[in-house]
Amino acid sequence: MATTKTTPKKTEVAEKKVTATKKPATTPKKVVKKAVKKTEVDMSKDYAIFETGGRQYGVQVGDTIKIEKLIGSYEEGSSVTFDKVLFVDNGADTTIGDPYIKGASIVCDIKSIARARKVSVVKYKAKSRYFKRNGHRQPFFELTITAIK
């Protein structure tokens, strides 16, 4: 006696293949998010942007910031005034400078004068016996904003 094999119909085979290899329409991708330092801005307070040492700082009254060392003789506890104000917003009125706002100033108290952590500088060239190691500590002022005028 010969045995006969029963073959499934073509439509059944096609359905099985489609369901077995079917992938979701959208595949999840890896998303790399950069860590961004966000600062909360309270719009009920005055907000200003000023420039010093080639950098711009956005501040409110009561903020503490670190800036590069200022030229001149300063002591801890003394007051410093910045007149290169680029932007002032008090919640109702917004003033933008061209490039600076005339008559605007930011008054700060010097909280501390210190130097940052050491930055190591290494120069090395392979196979030529060249190796130099240096270090550097950048001086900075830590300021507390007392008034925006």
N, C-alpha and C. Protein backbone atom coordinates (compact mmCIF):
# COMPACT_ATOMS: atom_id res chain seq x y z
N MET A 1 0.82 -1.17 0.00
CA MET A 1 0.00 0.00 0.00
C MET A 1 0.87 1.25 0.00
N ALA A 2 0.52 2.18 -0.78
CA ALA A 2 1.26 3.42 -0.87
C ALA A 2 0.59 4.46 0.04
N THR A 3 1.43 5.20 0.75
CA THR A 3 0.87 6.24 1.60
C THR A 3 0.83 7.54 0.83
N THR A 4 -0.21 8.24 1.00
CA THR A 4 -0.33 9.52 0.30
C THR A 4 -0.22 10.66 1.33
N LYS A 5 0.56 11.64 0.95
CA LYS A 5 0.71 12.80 1.83
C LYS A 5 -0.32 13.83 1.44
N THR A 6 -0.87 14.41 2.46
CA THR A 6 -1.81 15.50 2.18
C THR A 6 -1.05 16.81 2.32
N THR A 7 -1.09 17.58 1.29
CA THR A 7 -0.40 18.86 1.31
C THR A 7 -1.41 19.95 1.64
N PRO A 8 -1.01 20.90 2.45
CA PRO A 8 -1.94 21.99 2.77
C PRO A 8 -2.14 22.87 1.55
N LYS A 9 -3.23 23.53 1.56
CA LYS A 9 -3.54 24.43 0.45
C LYS A 9 -2.57 25.61 0.46
N LYS A 10 -2.40 26.21 -0.71
CA LYS A 10 -1.46 27.32 -0.86
C LYS A 10 -1.85 28.49 0.03
N THR A 11 -3.11 28.76 0.20
CA THR A 11 -3.53 29.91 1.00
C THR A 11 -3.18 29.71 2.46
N GLU A 12 -3.28 28.48 2.97
CA GLU A 12 -2.93 28.22 4.35
C GLU A 12 -1.43 28.41 4.58
N VAL A 13 -0.60 27.97 3.66
CA VAL A 13 0.85 28.13 3.78
C VAL A 13 1.21 29.60 3.73
N ALA A 14 0.60 30.36 2.84
CA ALA A 14 0.89 31.78 2.72
C ALA A 14 0.51 32.51 4.00
N GLU A 15 -0.62 32.18 4.60
CA GLU A 15 -1.04 32.83 5.83
C GLU A 15 -0.07 32.54 6.96
N LYS A 16 0.41 31.30 7.03
CA LYS A 16 1.33 30.93 8.09
C LYS A 16 2.64 31.70 7.96
N LYS A 17 3.15 31.86 6.74
CA LYS A 17 4.39 32.58 6.54
C LYS A 17 4.24 34.06 6.90
N VAL A 18 3.12 34.65 6.53
CA VAL A 18 2.91 36.07 6.80
C VAL A 18 2.82 36.31 8.30
N THR A 19 2.11 35.48 8.99
CA THR A 19 1.97 35.69 10.43
C THR A 19 3.27 35.42 11.16
N ALA A 20 4.08 34.50 10.66
CA ALA A 20 5.33 34.16 11.34
C ALA A 20 6.39 35.25 11.16
N THR A 21 6.43 35.92 10.01
CA THR A 21 7.46 36.91 9.74
C THR A 21 6.95 38.34 9.86
N LYS A 22 5.74 38.52 10.31
CA LYS A 22 5.17 39.86 10.39
C LYS A 22 5.85 40.64 11.53
N LYS A 23 6.33 41.85 11.22
CA LYS A 23 6.99 42.70 12.20
C LYS A 23 6.09 43.91 12.46
N PRO A 24 6.27 44.53 13.60
CA PRO A 24 5.47 45.73 13.85
C PRO A 24 5.84 46.83 12.85
N ALA A 25 4.88 47.70 12.58
CA ALA A 25 5.09 48.75 11.58
C ALA A 25 6.22 49.69 11.98
N THR A 26 6.32 50.02 13.25
CA THR A 26 7.39 50.90 13.70
C THR A 26 8.28 50.14 14.68
N THR A 27 9.56 50.15 14.41
CA THR A 27 10.49 49.49 15.30
C THR A 27 11.08 50.53 16.24
N PRO A 28 11.22 50.21 17.50
CA PRO A 28 11.78 51.19 18.43
C PRO A 28 13.25 51.44 18.12
N LYS A 29 13.63 52.71 18.14
CA LYS A 29 15.01 53.10 17.88
C LYS A 29 15.63 53.60 19.16
N LYS A 30 16.94 53.44 19.28
CA LYS A 30 17.63 53.97 20.44
C LYS A 30 17.71 55.48 20.30
N VAL A 31 17.30 56.15 21.34
CA VAL A 31 17.33 57.60 21.34
C VAL A 31 18.38 58.03 22.36
N VAL A 32 19.34 58.79 21.88
CA VAL A 32 20.39 59.27 22.76
C VAL A 32 20.04 60.70 23.14
N LYS A 33 19.83 60.91 24.43
CA LYS A 33 19.49 62.24 24.91
C LYS A 33 20.71 62.86 25.56
N LYS A 34 20.96 64.11 25.23
CA LYS A 34 22.07 64.83 25.83
C LYS A 34 21.60 65.41 27.16
N ALA A 35 22.47 65.37 28.12
CA ALA A 35 22.15 65.95 29.42
C ALA A 35 22.28 67.45 29.31
N VAL A 36 21.19 68.15 29.50
CA VAL A 36 21.17 69.59 29.41
C VAL A 36 20.90 70.16 30.79
N LYS A 37 21.73 71.07 31.20
CA LYS A 37 21.53 71.68 32.50
C LYS A 37 20.46 72.75 32.36
N LYS A 38 19.32 72.49 32.98
CA LYS A 38 18.22 73.44 32.89
C LYS A 38 18.13 74.23 34.18
N THR A 39 17.92 75.52 34.03
CA THR A 39 17.73 76.36 35.20
C THR A 39 16.31 76.88 35.18
N GLU A 40 15.69 76.82 36.31
CA GLU A 40 14.33 77.31 36.44
C GLU A 40 14.36 78.83 36.51
N VAL A 41 13.48 79.48 35.76
CA VAL A 41 13.38 80.93 35.77
C VAL A 41 12.02 81.29 36.34
N ASP A 42 12.02 82.01 37.46
CA ASP A 42 10.79 82.46 38.08
C ASP A 42 10.42 83.79 37.44
N MET A 43 9.34 83.81 36.67
CA MET A 43 8.97 85.00 35.91
C MET A 43 8.40 86.11 36.78
N SER A 44 8.14 85.85 38.06
CA SER A 44 7.65 86.91 38.94
C SER A 44 8.80 87.83 39.36
N LYS A 45 10.04 87.36 39.27
CA LYS A 45 11.21 88.16 39.61
C LYS A 45 11.78 88.81 38.35
N ASP A 46 12.63 89.82 38.56
CA ASP A 46 13.35 90.42 37.45
C ASP A 46 14.37 89.43 36.92
N TYR A 47 14.53 89.40 35.59
CA TYR A 47 15.49 88.52 34.94
C TYR A 47 16.35 89.39 34.04
N ALA A 48 17.66 89.16 34.04
CA ALA A 48 18.56 89.97 33.22
C ALA A 48 19.67 89.10 32.66
N ILE A 49 20.20 89.55 31.53
CA ILE A 49 21.36 88.91 30.92
C ILE A 49 22.44 89.99 30.81
N PHE A 50 23.62 89.68 31.36
CA PHE A 50 24.72 90.63 31.28
C PHE A 50 25.97 89.94 30.76
N GLU A 51 26.95 90.75 30.38
CA GLU A 51 28.17 90.23 29.78
C GLU A 51 29.38 90.64 30.61
N THR A 52 30.25 89.67 30.86
CA THR A 52 31.53 89.95 31.50
C THR A 52 32.50 88.83 31.15
N GLY A 53 33.74 89.18 30.93
CA GLY A 53 34.76 88.19 30.61
C GLY A 53 34.51 87.46 29.31
N GLY A 54 33.81 88.09 28.37
CA GLY A 54 33.53 87.45 27.08
C GLY A 54 32.40 86.44 27.13
N ARG A 55 31.69 86.34 28.24
CA ARG A 55 30.58 85.39 28.38
C ARG A 55 29.33 86.13 28.83
N GLN A 56 28.19 85.51 28.57
CA GLN A 56 26.92 86.09 28.97
C GLN A 56 26.29 85.23 30.06
N TYR A 57 25.70 85.88 31.06
CA TYR A 57 25.10 85.19 32.19
C TYR A 57 23.67 85.66 32.37
N GLY A 58 22.73 84.72 32.50
CA GLY A 58 21.34 85.03 32.79
C GLY A 58 21.12 84.89 34.28
N VAL A 59 20.63 85.95 34.93
CA VAL A 59 20.53 85.94 36.39
C VAL A 59 19.21 86.54 36.87
N GLN A 60 18.88 86.20 38.11
CA GLN A 60 17.78 86.80 38.85
C GLN A 60 18.32 87.22 40.21
N VAL A 61 17.57 88.04 40.91
CA VAL A 61 18.00 88.49 42.23
C VAL A 61 18.05 87.28 43.16
N GLY A 62 19.16 87.12 43.86
CA GLY A 62 19.35 86.00 44.77
C GLY A 62 20.16 84.86 44.19
N ASP A 63 20.42 84.87 42.89
CA ASP A 63 21.20 83.80 42.26
C ASP A 63 22.67 83.90 42.67
N THR A 64 23.35 82.76 42.66
CA THR A 64 24.78 82.71 42.90
C THR A 64 25.43 82.15 41.64
N ILE A 65 26.41 82.88 41.10
CA ILE A 65 27.08 82.46 39.87
C ILE A 65 28.59 82.51 40.06
N LYS A 66 29.30 81.76 39.21
CA LYS A 66 30.76 81.80 39.17
C LYS A 66 31.17 82.44 37.86
N ILE A 67 32.03 83.45 37.95
CA ILE A 67 32.53 84.12 36.75
C ILE A 67 34.05 84.10 36.79
N GLU A 68 34.66 84.45 35.66
CA GLU A 68 36.11 84.54 35.61
C GLU A 68 36.60 85.71 36.46
N LYS A 69 37.85 85.63 36.82
CA LYS A 69 38.45 86.66 37.67
C LYS A 69 38.35 88.03 37.01
N LEU A 70 37.97 89.03 37.80
CA LEU A 70 37.86 90.40 37.31
C LEU A 70 39.19 91.13 37.49
N ILE A 71 39.47 92.05 36.57
CA ILE A 71 40.70 92.83 36.64
C ILE A 71 40.52 93.91 37.71
N GLY A 72 41.51 94.08 38.53
CA GLY A 72 41.44 95.06 39.61
C GLY A 72 41.58 94.38 40.95
N SER A 73 41.52 95.19 42.00
CA SER A 73 41.64 94.62 43.35
C SER A 73 40.26 94.56 43.99
N TYR A 74 39.84 93.38 44.35
CA TYR A 74 38.55 93.15 44.98
C TYR A 74 38.75 92.28 46.21
N GLU A 75 37.86 92.41 47.17
CA GLU A 75 37.91 91.61 48.37
C GLU A 75 36.57 90.92 48.57
N GLU A 76 36.59 89.82 49.30
CA GLU A 76 35.35 89.12 49.61
C GLU A 76 34.46 90.02 50.45
N GLY A 77 33.17 90.04 50.11
CA GLY A 77 32.22 90.88 50.83
C GLY A 77 31.99 92.23 50.18
N SER A 78 32.86 92.64 49.25
CA SER A 78 32.67 93.93 48.59
C SER A 78 31.62 93.81 47.49
N SER A 79 31.21 94.94 46.96
CA SER A 79 30.15 94.99 45.96
C SER A 79 30.73 95.30 44.58
N VAL A 80 30.15 94.70 43.54
CA VAL A 80 30.58 94.91 42.16
C VAL A 80 29.35 95.28 41.33
N THR A 81 29.50 96.22 40.40
CA THR A 81 28.41 96.62 39.52
C THR A 81 28.79 96.36 38.08
N PHE A 82 27.89 95.68 37.35
CA PHE A 82 28.10 95.41 35.92
C PHE A 82 27.15 96.29 35.13
N ASP A 83 27.68 97.00 34.12
CA ASP A 83 26.84 97.89 33.33
C ASP A 83 26.62 97.40 31.90
N LYS A 84 27.23 96.29 31.53
CA LYS A 84 27.03 95.73 30.19
C LYS A 84 25.83 94.78 30.23
N VAL A 85 24.64 95.36 30.36
CA VAL A 85 23.40 94.59 30.46
C VAL A 85 22.79 94.49 29.07
N LEU A 86 22.49 93.27 28.63
CA LEU A 86 21.96 93.02 27.29
C LEU A 86 20.44 92.92 27.27
N PHE A 87 19.84 92.46 28.38
CA PHE A 87 18.41 92.13 28.38
C PHE A 87 17.88 92.25 29.81
N VAL A 88 16.70 92.86 29.95
CA VAL A 88 16.04 92.95 31.25
C VAL A 88 14.56 92.66 31.05
N ASP A 89 14.01 91.81 31.92
CA ASP A 89 12.58 91.49 31.88
C ASP A 89 12.07 91.50 33.32
N ASN A 90 11.06 92.34 33.60
CA ASN A 90 10.52 92.40 34.96
C ASN A 90 9.12 91.79 35.05
N GLY A 91 8.70 91.03 34.07
CA GLY A 91 7.39 90.41 34.09
C GLY A 91 6.36 91.19 33.28
N ALA A 92 6.45 92.51 33.30
CA ALA A 92 5.52 93.34 32.55
C ALA A 92 6.20 93.96 31.33
N ASP A 93 7.42 94.44 31.51
CA ASP A 93 8.15 95.09 30.42
C ASP A 93 9.41 94.31 30.12
N THR A 94 9.74 94.25 28.83
CA THR A 94 10.97 93.61 28.38
C THR A 94 11.79 94.63 27.62
N THR A 95 13.06 94.77 27.98
CA THR A 95 13.95 95.71 27.33
C THR A 95 15.13 94.94 26.76
N ILE A 96 15.40 95.17 25.47
CA ILE A 96 16.52 94.53 24.79
C ILE A 96 17.49 95.61 24.37
N GLY A 97 18.77 95.41 24.65
CA GLY A 97 19.79 96.41 24.35
C GLY A 97 20.26 96.35 22.92
N ASP A 98 20.91 97.45 22.51
CA ASP A 98 21.42 97.54 21.14
C ASP A 98 22.83 98.12 21.17
N PRO A 99 23.88 97.49 21.54
CA PRO A 99 23.99 96.15 22.11
C PRO A 99 23.72 96.12 23.62
N TYR A 100 23.89 97.27 24.32
CA TYR A 100 23.67 97.29 25.77
C TYR A 100 22.55 98.26 26.10
N ILE A 101 21.94 98.07 27.27
CA ILE A 101 20.87 98.95 27.73
C ILE A 101 21.53 100.09 28.51
N LYS A 102 21.26 101.33 28.10
CA LYS A 102 21.83 102.48 28.78
C LYS A 102 21.14 102.67 30.13
N GLY A 103 21.94 102.88 31.16
CA GLY A 103 21.40 103.13 32.50
C GLY A 103 21.08 101.87 33.29
N ALA A 104 21.13 100.71 32.67
CA ALA A 104 20.85 99.47 33.39
C ALA A 104 22.13 98.95 34.04
N SER A 105 21.98 98.34 35.21
CA SER A 105 23.14 97.78 35.89
C SER A 105 22.71 96.62 36.78
N ILE A 106 23.67 95.80 37.11
CA ILE A 106 23.45 94.66 37.98
C ILE A 106 24.43 94.77 39.14
N VAL A 107 23.92 94.74 40.36
CA VAL A 107 24.74 94.88 41.55
C VAL A 107 24.92 93.50 42.18
N CYS A 108 26.17 93.14 42.48
CA CYS A 108 26.50 91.83 43.04
C CYS A 108 27.40 91.99 44.25
N ASP A 109 27.31 91.03 45.17
CA ASP A 109 28.24 90.93 46.28
C ASP A 109 29.20 89.79 46.01
N ILE A 110 30.47 89.98 46.31
CA ILE A 110 31.46 88.93 46.11
C ILE A 110 31.38 87.97 47.30
N LYS A 111 30.98 86.76 47.02
CA LYS A 111 30.84 85.75 48.06
C LYS A 111 32.19 85.11 48.37
N SER A 112 32.94 84.77 47.31
CA SER A 112 34.27 84.19 47.52
C SER A 112 35.13 84.42 46.29
N ILE A 113 36.45 84.45 46.54
CA ILE A 113 37.45 84.52 45.48
C ILE A 113 38.32 83.29 45.65
N ALA A 114 38.33 82.42 44.65
CA ALA A 114 39.03 81.14 44.81
C ALA A 114 39.57 80.67 43.46
N ARG A 115 40.12 79.47 43.47
CA ARG A 115 40.59 78.85 42.24
C ARG A 115 39.89 77.52 42.07
N ALA A 116 39.60 77.17 40.83
CA ALA A 116 38.87 75.94 40.51
C ALA A 116 39.78 74.73 40.71
N ARG A 117 39.23 73.55 40.53
CA ARG A 117 40.01 72.32 40.64
C ARG A 117 41.10 72.28 39.57
N LYS A 118 42.13 71.53 39.84
CA LYS A 118 43.27 71.47 38.93
C LYS A 118 42.91 70.74 37.64
N VAL A 119 43.32 71.32 36.53
CA VAL A 119 43.16 70.71 35.22
C VAL A 119 44.53 70.21 34.79
N SER A 120 44.64 68.92 34.50
CA SER A 120 45.92 68.34 34.09
C SER A 120 46.08 68.48 32.59
N VAL A 121 47.27 68.91 32.19
CA VAL A 121 47.60 69.04 30.77
C VAL A 121 48.77 68.11 30.49
N VAL A 122 48.58 67.14 29.59
CA VAL A 122 49.61 66.16 29.28
C VAL A 122 49.89 66.21 27.78
N LYS A 123 51.16 66.35 27.44
CA LYS A 123 51.60 66.29 26.04
C LYS A 123 52.47 65.05 25.90
N TYR A 124 52.19 64.22 24.91
CA TYR A 124 52.90 62.96 24.75
C TYR A 124 53.00 62.61 23.29
N LYS A 125 54.18 62.18 22.88
CA LYS A 125 54.37 61.67 21.53
C LYS A 125 55.01 60.30 21.63
N ALA A 126 54.37 59.34 21.02
CA ALA A 126 54.85 57.96 21.10
C ALA A 126 56.17 57.79 20.36
N LYS A 127 57.00 56.93 20.87
CA LYS A 127 58.26 56.50 20.25
C LYS A 127 59.27 57.63 20.08
N SER A 128 59.08 58.76 20.71
CA SER A 128 60.05 59.84 20.55
C SER A 128 60.53 60.38 21.90
N ARG A 129 60.18 59.71 22.97
CA ARG A 129 60.59 60.09 24.32
C ARG A 129 60.20 61.51 24.67
N TYR A 130 59.00 61.91 24.26
CA TYR A 130 58.50 63.25 24.55
C TYR A 130 57.30 63.13 25.47
N PHE A 131 57.42 63.69 26.68
CA PHE A 131 56.33 63.66 27.65
C PHE A 131 56.42 64.91 28.52
N LYS A 132 55.36 65.72 28.51
CA LYS A 132 55.30 66.93 29.34
C LYS A 132 54.01 66.88 30.14
N ARG A 133 54.10 67.24 31.41
CA ARG A 133 52.91 67.25 32.26
C ARG A 133 52.86 68.60 32.97
N ASN A 134 51.74 69.29 32.85
CA ASN A 134 51.52 70.57 33.51
C ASN A 134 50.15 70.57 34.17
N GLY A 135 49.94 71.52 35.05
CA GLY A 135 48.64 71.67 35.69
C GLY A 135 48.26 73.13 35.72
N HIS A 136 46.96 73.37 35.88
CA HIS A 136 46.47 74.74 35.87
C HIS A 136 45.23 74.83 36.74
N ARG A 137 45.14 75.88 37.56
CA ARG A 137 43.95 76.14 38.37
C ARG A 137 43.43 77.52 37.99
N GLN A 138 42.23 77.56 37.42
CA GLN A 138 41.64 78.81 36.94
C GLN A 138 41.02 79.59 38.10
N PRO A 139 41.41 80.85 38.29
CA PRO A 139 40.79 81.64 39.34
C PRO A 139 39.37 82.07 38.95
N PHE A 140 38.48 82.19 39.95
CA PHE A 140 37.11 82.61 39.68
C PHE A 140 36.57 83.42 40.85
N PHE A 141 35.49 84.17 40.58
CA PHE A 141 34.76 84.90 41.60
C PHE A 141 33.39 84.24 41.72
N GLU A 142 32.94 84.04 42.95
CA GLU A 142 31.57 83.56 43.18
C GLU A 142 30.76 84.76 43.65
N LEU A 143 29.72 85.10 42.87
CA LEU A 143 28.93 86.31 43.13
C LEU A 143 27.50 85.95 43.51
N THR A 144 26.90 86.81 44.34
CA THR A 144 25.47 86.73 44.66
C THR A 144 24.82 87.98 44.13
N ILE A 145 23.78 87.83 43.31
CA ILE A 145 23.10 88.97 42.70
C ILE A 145 22.21 89.62 43.76
N THR A 146 22.40 90.93 44.00
CA THR A 146 21.61 91.63 45.01
C THR A 146 20.55 92.54 44.40
N ALA A 147 20.81 93.11 43.21
CA ALA A 147 19.82 94.01 42.61
C ALA A 147 20.00 94.09 41.10
N ILE A 148 18.88 94.27 40.42
CA ILE A 148 18.89 94.53 38.98
C ILE A 148 18.21 95.88 38.79
N LYS A 149 18.98 96.85 38.29
CA LYS A 149 18.44 98.22 38.15
C LYS A 149 18.31 98.56 36.68
